[in-house]
Amino acid sequence: MGYTHYWTPKKSSAKKFKDFSDTCKILNDNLPEKTDTASGYHSNEKLVIGDGNGNKDSKPMFSKDLVVFNGIDNLMHETFFIELTSNKWNFCKTARKPYDLLVCACLLAAVDILGYDITSDGDLNDWIPAMKFYNKVIEKTKADRNFIINNSRITNAYMKQFGIV
């Protein structure tokens, strides 16, 4: 399967990138056990996140200058990788595997915090679970963060992209 998400980075400060990385970690820490993201192709599979190589019992990386993760074992596909110093267009092919939820949620954070431009092979129905998850976690954890996220921009941007508003 060639289900892919694409992004174009914008130059960002070290502080904004740390805010982005911290948000991705918060999203990771609040993942559900299962997900119906990307049309629910793997909705009966457990959502487990590991390092960029998808190694069993590994952990994703959320540092001040790097965010990298993948699914685990047969539920891994391409590595999601965003770094502070990157200024090149990039993509992550998830093949609709469960880790797609975290990929999409982190891309929403990249739009919100870093001003990235993103596109996807998915349509609005594929993204709704990630948008709901992102907004729910951001709202639930806002007292734990020391930066502001304008998540209404996310919903409006996607609604506009898919011709709903």
C-alpha atoms as a PDB file:
ATOM      1  CA  MET A   1       0.000   0.000   0.000  1.00  0.00           C
ATOM      2  CA  GLY A   2       1.210   3.489  -0.798  1.00  0.00           C
ATOM      3  CA  TYR A   3      -0.683   5.528   1.778  1.00  0.00           C
ATOM      4  CA  THR A   4       1.631   8.495   2.408  1.00  0.00           C
ATOM      5  CA  HIS A   5       1.762  11.851   4.205  1.00  0.00           C
ATOM      6  CA  TYR A   6       3.949  14.715   2.942  1.00  0.00           C
ATOM      7  CA  TRP A   7       5.317  17.846   4.585  1.00  0.00           C
ATOM      8  CA  THR A   8       7.326  20.933   3.768  1.00  0.00           C
ATOM      9  CA  PRO A   9       9.269  22.263   6.746  1.00  0.00           C
ATOM     10  CA  LYS A  10       9.588  25.913   7.643  1.00  0.00           C
ATOM     11  CA  LYS A  11      12.598  27.328   9.423  1.00  0.00           C
ATOM     12  CA  SER A  12      11.867  27.250  13.143  1.00  0.00           C
ATOM     13  CA  SER A  13      13.542  28.271  16.343  1.00  0.00           C
ATOM     14  CA  ALA A  14      14.997  25.779  18.780  1.00  0.00           C
ATOM     15  CA  LYS A  15      12.260  26.740  21.268  1.00  0.00           C
ATOM     16  CA  LYS A  16       9.439  26.101  18.802  1.00  0.00           C
ATOM     17  CA  PHE A  17      10.970  22.786  17.785  1.00  0.00           C
ATOM     18  CA  LYS A  18      11.259  21.743  21.442  1.00  0.00           C
ATOM     19  CA  ASP A  19       7.580  22.671  21.902  1.00  0.00           C
ATOM     20  CA  PHE A  20       6.755  20.513  18.865  1.00  0.00           C
ATOM     21  CA  SER A  21       8.828  17.580  20.160  1.00  0.00           C
ATOM     22  CA  ASP A  22       7.281  17.873  23.627  1.00  0.00           C
ATOM     23  CA  THR A  23       3.810  17.874  22.044  1.00  0.00           C
ATOM     24  CA  CYS A  24       4.610  14.726  20.043  1.00  0.00           C
ATOM     25  CA  LYS A  25       5.778  13.053  23.268  1.00  0.00           C
ATOM     26  CA  ILE A  26       2.539  14.067  25.004  1.00  0.00           C
ATOM     27  CA  LEU A  27       0.568  12.667  22.075  1.00  0.00           C
ATOM     28  CA  ASN A  28       2.578   9.436  22.249  1.00  0.00           C
ATOM     29  CA  ASP A  29       1.995   9.177  26.003  1.00  0.00           C
ATOM     30  CA  ASN A  30      -1.775   9.475  25.458  1.00  0.00           C
ATOM     31  CA  LEU A  31      -2.209   7.038  22.565  1.00  0.00           C
ATOM     32  CA  PRO A  32      -5.201   4.700  22.693  1.00  0.00           C
ATOM     33  CA  GLU A  33      -4.651   0.947  22.680  1.00  0.00           C
ATOM     34  CA  LYS A  34      -6.162   0.675  19.178  1.00  0.00           C
ATOM     35  CA  THR A  35      -7.140   3.117  16.436  1.00  0.00           C
ATOM     36  CA  ASP A  36      -9.384   3.368  13.411  1.00  0.00           C
ATOM     37  CA  THR A  37      -7.213   5.981  11.702  1.00  0.00           C
ATOM     38  CA  ALA A  38      -6.610   5.743   7.938  1.00  0.00           C
ATOM     39  CA  SER A  39      -9.963   4.047   7.297  1.00  0.00           C
ATOM     40  CA  GLY A  40      -9.466   1.489  10.074  1.00  0.00           C
ATOM     41  CA  TYR A  41      -7.469  -1.012   8.033  1.00  0.00           C
ATOM     42  CA  HIS A  42      -5.734  -2.273  11.193  1.00  0.00           C
ATOM     43  CA  SER A  43      -8.351  -1.373  13.801  1.00  0.00           C
ATOM     44  CA  ASN A  44      -7.996  -4.749  15.551  1.00  0.00           C
ATOM     45  CA  GLU A  45      -4.213  -4.408  15.894  1.00  0.00           C
ATOM     46  CA  LYS A  46      -2.580  -2.950  18.996  1.00  0.00           C
ATOM     47  CA  LEU A  47      -1.069   0.517  18.541  1.00  0.00           C
ATOM     48  CA  VAL A  48       2.565   0.241  19.673  1.00  0.00           C
ATOM     49  CA  ILE A  49       5.254   2.822  18.926  1.00  0.00           C
ATOM     50  CA  GLY A  50       8.984   2.108  18.823  1.00  0.00           C
ATOM     51  CA  ASP A  51      12.204   3.540  17.480  1.00  0.00           C
ATOM     52  CA  GLY A  52      12.720   4.471  13.858  1.00  0.00           C
ATOM     53  CA  ASN A  53      13.648   0.889  12.961  1.00  0.00           C
ATOM     54  CA  GLY A  54      10.523  -0.601  14.531  1.00  0.00           C
ATOM     55  CA  ASN A  55      12.516  -2.751  16.929  1.00  0.00           C
ATOM     56  CA  LYS A  56      10.564  -4.680  19.537  1.00  0.00           C
ATOM     57  CA  ASP A  57      10.835  -3.210  23.059  1.00  0.00           C
ATOM     58  CA  SER A  58      12.309   0.023  21.656  1.00  0.00           C
ATOM     59  CA  LYS A  59      11.228   3.583  22.388  1.00  0.00           C
ATOM     60  CA  PRO A  60      10.514   6.534  20.100  1.00  0.00           C
ATOM     61  CA  MET A  61      12.774   9.588  20.278  1.00  0.00           C
ATOM     62  CA  PHE A  62      11.440  13.014  21.180  1.00  0.00           C
ATOM     63  CA  SER A  63      14.447  15.304  21.706  1.00  0.00           C
ATOM     64  CA  LYS A  64      15.142  19.019  21.429  1.00  0.00           C
ATOM     65  CA  ASP A  65      16.161  18.624  17.787  1.00  0.00           C
ATOM     66  CA  LEU A  66      14.643  15.344  16.594  1.00  0.00           C
ATOM     67  CA  VAL A  67      11.376  13.386  16.529  1.00  0.00           C
ATOM     68  CA  VAL A  68      11.660   9.825  15.203  1.00  0.00           C
ATOM     69  CA  PHE A  69       9.452   6.752  15.551  1.00  0.00           C
ATOM     70  CA  ASN A  70       7.808   3.864  13.731  1.00  0.00           C
ATOM     71  CA  GLY A  71       5.382   1.063  14.443  1.00  0.00           C
ATOM     72  CA  ILE A  72       6.753  -2.235  15.798  1.00  0.00           C
ATOM     73  CA  ASP A  73       7.486  -5.501  13.982  1.00  0.00           C
ATOM     74  CA  ASN A  74       4.953  -6.240  11.237  1.00  0.00           C
ATOM     75  CA  LEU A  75       3.074  -3.011  12.083  1.00  0.00           C
ATOM     76  CA  MET A  76       6.022  -0.797  11.113  1.00  0.00           C
ATOM     77  CA  HIS A  77       6.517   0.746   7.699  1.00  0.00           C
ATOM     78  CA  GLU A  78       8.526   3.889   6.953  1.00  0.00           C
ATOM     79  CA  THR A  79      10.163   5.856   9.740  1.00  0.00           C
ATOM     80  CA  PHE A  80       8.583   9.160  10.756  1.00  0.00           C
ATOM     81  CA  PHE A  81      11.498  11.577  11.068  1.00  0.00           C
ATOM     82  CA  ILE A  82      11.488  15.343  11.598  1.00  0.00           C
ATOM     83  CA  GLU A  83      14.555  17.255  12.708  1.00  0.00           C
ATOM     84  CA  LEU A  84      15.131  20.868  13.653  1.00  0.00           C
ATOM     85  CA  THR A  85      17.713  21.511  10.934  1.00  0.00           C
ATOM     86  CA  SER A  86      15.786  19.961   8.045  1.00  0.00           C
ATOM     87  CA  ASN A  87      14.450  22.300   5.395  1.00  0.00           C
ATOM     88  CA  LYS A  88      13.627  19.729   2.714  1.00  0.00           C
ATOM     89  CA  TRP A  89      10.263  18.398   1.633  1.00  0.00           C
ATOM     90  CA  ASN A  90       9.726  14.951   3.145  1.00  0.00           C
ATOM     91  CA  PHE A  91       7.185  12.161   3.484  1.00  0.00           C
ATOM     92  CA  CYS A  92       6.249   9.093   5.507  1.00  0.00           C
ATOM     93  CA  LYS A  93       4.479   6.119   3.983  1.00  0.00           C
ATOM     94  CA  THR A  94       2.516   4.419   6.790  1.00  0.00           C
ATOM     95  CA  ALA A  95       0.548   1.914   4.689  1.00  0.00           C
ATOM     96  CA  ARG A  96      -2.403   2.724   6.986  1.00  0.00           C
ATOM     97  CA  LYS A  97      -0.770   0.854   9.878  1.00  0.00           C
ATOM     98  CA  PRO A  98      -1.750   1.836  13.437  1.00  0.00           C
ATOM     99  CA  TYR A  99       1.191   4.207  13.992  1.00  0.00           C
ATOM    100  CA  ASP A 100      -0.454   6.402  11.328  1.00  0.00           C
ATOM    101  CA  LEU A 101      -2.437   7.976  14.182  1.00  0.00           C
ATOM    102  CA  LEU A 102       0.723   9.352  15.810  1.00  0.00           C
ATOM    103  CA  VAL A 103       2.197  10.356  12.431  1.00  0.00           C
ATOM    104  CA  CYS A 104      -0.932  12.376  11.623  1.00  0.00           C
ATOM    105  CA  ALA A 105      -1.174  13.874  15.111  1.00  0.00           C
ATOM    106  CA  CYS A 106       2.488  14.945  15.013  1.00  0.00           C
ATOM    107  CA  LEU A 107       1.945  16.447  11.564  1.00  0.00           C
ATOM    108  CA  LEU A 108      -0.995  18.413  12.965  1.00  0.00           C
ATOM    109  CA  ALA A 109       1.355  19.659  15.696  1.00  0.00           C
ATOM    110  CA  ALA A 110       3.927  20.556  13.012  1.00  0.00           C
ATOM    111  CA  VAL A 111       1.323  22.677  11.234  1.00  0.00           C
ATOM    112  CA  ASP A 112       0.172  24.244  14.470  1.00  0.00           C
ATOM    113  CA  ILE A 113       3.520  24.921  16.134  1.00  0.00           C
ATOM    114  CA  LEU A 114       6.072  25.023  13.302  1.00  0.00           C
ATOM    115  CA  GLY A 115       3.886  26.329  10.481  1.00  0.00           C
ATOM    116  CA  TYR A 116       4.565  23.318   8.229  1.00  0.00           C
ATOM    117  CA  ASP A 117       2.586  22.711   5.078  1.00  0.00           C
ATOM    118  CA  ILE A 118       1.260  19.146   4.864  1.00  0.00           C
ATOM    119  CA  THR A 119      -0.635  17.047   2.359  1.00  0.00           C
ATOM    120  CA  SER A 120      -1.733  13.445   2.354  1.00  0.00           C
ATOM    121  CA  ASP A 121      -2.987  10.592   0.243  1.00  0.00           C
ATOM    122  CA  GLY A 122      -5.778  10.359   2.810  1.00  0.00           C
ATOM    123  CA  ASP A 123      -9.075  12.186   2.702  1.00  0.00           C
ATOM    124  CA  LEU A 124     -10.968  13.853   5.519  1.00  0.00           C
ATOM    125  CA  ASN A 125     -12.467  10.574   6.739  1.00  0.00           C
ATOM    126  CA  ASP A 126      -8.951   9.124   7.065  1.00  0.00           C
ATOM    127  CA  TRP A 127      -7.840  12.132   9.119  1.00  0.00           C
ATOM    128  CA  ILE A 128     -10.863  12.586  11.406  1.00  0.00           C
ATOM    129  CA  PRO A 129      -9.628  10.098  14.062  1.00  0.00           C
ATOM    130  CA  ALA A 130      -6.240  11.864  14.206  1.00  0.00           C
ATOM    131  CA  MET A 131      -7.849  15.306  14.350  1.00  0.00           C
ATOM    132  CA  LYS A 132     -10.154  14.226  17.185  1.00  0.00           C
ATOM    133  CA  PHE A 133      -7.274  12.565  19.034  1.00  0.00           C
ATOM    134  CA  TYR A 134      -5.027  15.617  18.614  1.00  0.00           C
ATOM    135  CA  ASN A 135      -7.686  18.070  19.778  1.00  0.00           C
ATOM    136  CA  LYS A 136      -8.688  15.870  22.728  1.00  0.00           C
ATOM    137  CA  VAL A 137      -5.111  15.432  23.973  1.00  0.00           C
ATOM    138  CA  ILE A 138      -4.226  19.093  23.470  1.00  0.00           C
ATOM    139  CA  GLU A 139      -7.316  20.167  25.417  1.00  0.00           C
ATOM    140  CA  LYS A 140      -6.774  17.573  28.166  1.00  0.00           C
ATOM    141  CA  THR A 141      -3.108  18.459  28.689  1.00  0.00           C
ATOM    142  CA  LYS A 142      -3.135  22.220  28.188  1.00  0.00           C
ATOM    143  CA  ALA A 143      -2.492  22.891  31.876  1.00  0.00           C
ATOM    144  CA  ASP A 144       0.668  20.746  31.665  1.00  0.00           C
ATOM    145  CA  ARG A 145       2.209  22.784  28.842  1.00  0.00           C
ATOM    146  CA  ASN A 146       3.900  26.153  29.013  1.00  0.00           C
ATOM    147  CA  PHE A 147       3.163  27.131  25.417  1.00  0.00           C
ATOM    148  CA  ILE A 148      -0.021  27.848  23.516  1.00  0.00           C
ATOM    149  CA  ILE A 149      -1.301  25.778  20.640  1.00  0.00           C
ATOM    150  CA  ASN A 150      -3.904  27.254  18.323  1.00  0.00           C
ATOM    151  CA  ASN A 151      -5.617  23.979  17.428  1.00  0.00           C
ATOM    152  CA  SER A 152      -8.619  25.665  15.832  1.00  0.00           C
ATOM    153  CA  ARG A 153      -6.237  26.426  12.957  1.00  0.00           C
ATOM    154  CA  ILE A 154      -5.803  22.689  12.383  1.00  0.00           C
ATOM    155  CA  THR A 155      -9.472  21.914  12.076  1.00  0.00           C
ATOM    156  CA  ASN A 156     -10.137  24.943   9.889  1.00  0.00           C
ATOM    157  CA  ALA A 157      -7.167  24.196   7.616  1.00  0.00           C
ATOM    158  CA  TYR A 158      -8.339  20.631   7.047  1.00  0.00           C
ATOM    159  CA  MET A 159     -11.963  21.511   6.638  1.00  0.00           C
ATOM    160  CA  LYS A 160     -10.910  24.072   4.032  1.00  0.00           C
ATOM    161  CA  GLN A 161      -8.554  21.635   2.272  1.00  0.00           C
ATOM    162  CA  PHE A 162     -11.345  19.105   1.898  1.00  0.00           C
ATOM    163  CA  GLY A 163     -13.913  21.703   0.805  1.00  0.00           C
ATOM    164  CA  ILE A 164     -16.123  21.580   3.894  1.00  0.00           C
ATOM    165  CA  VAL A 165     -15.819  25.294   4.767  1.00  0.00           C
END
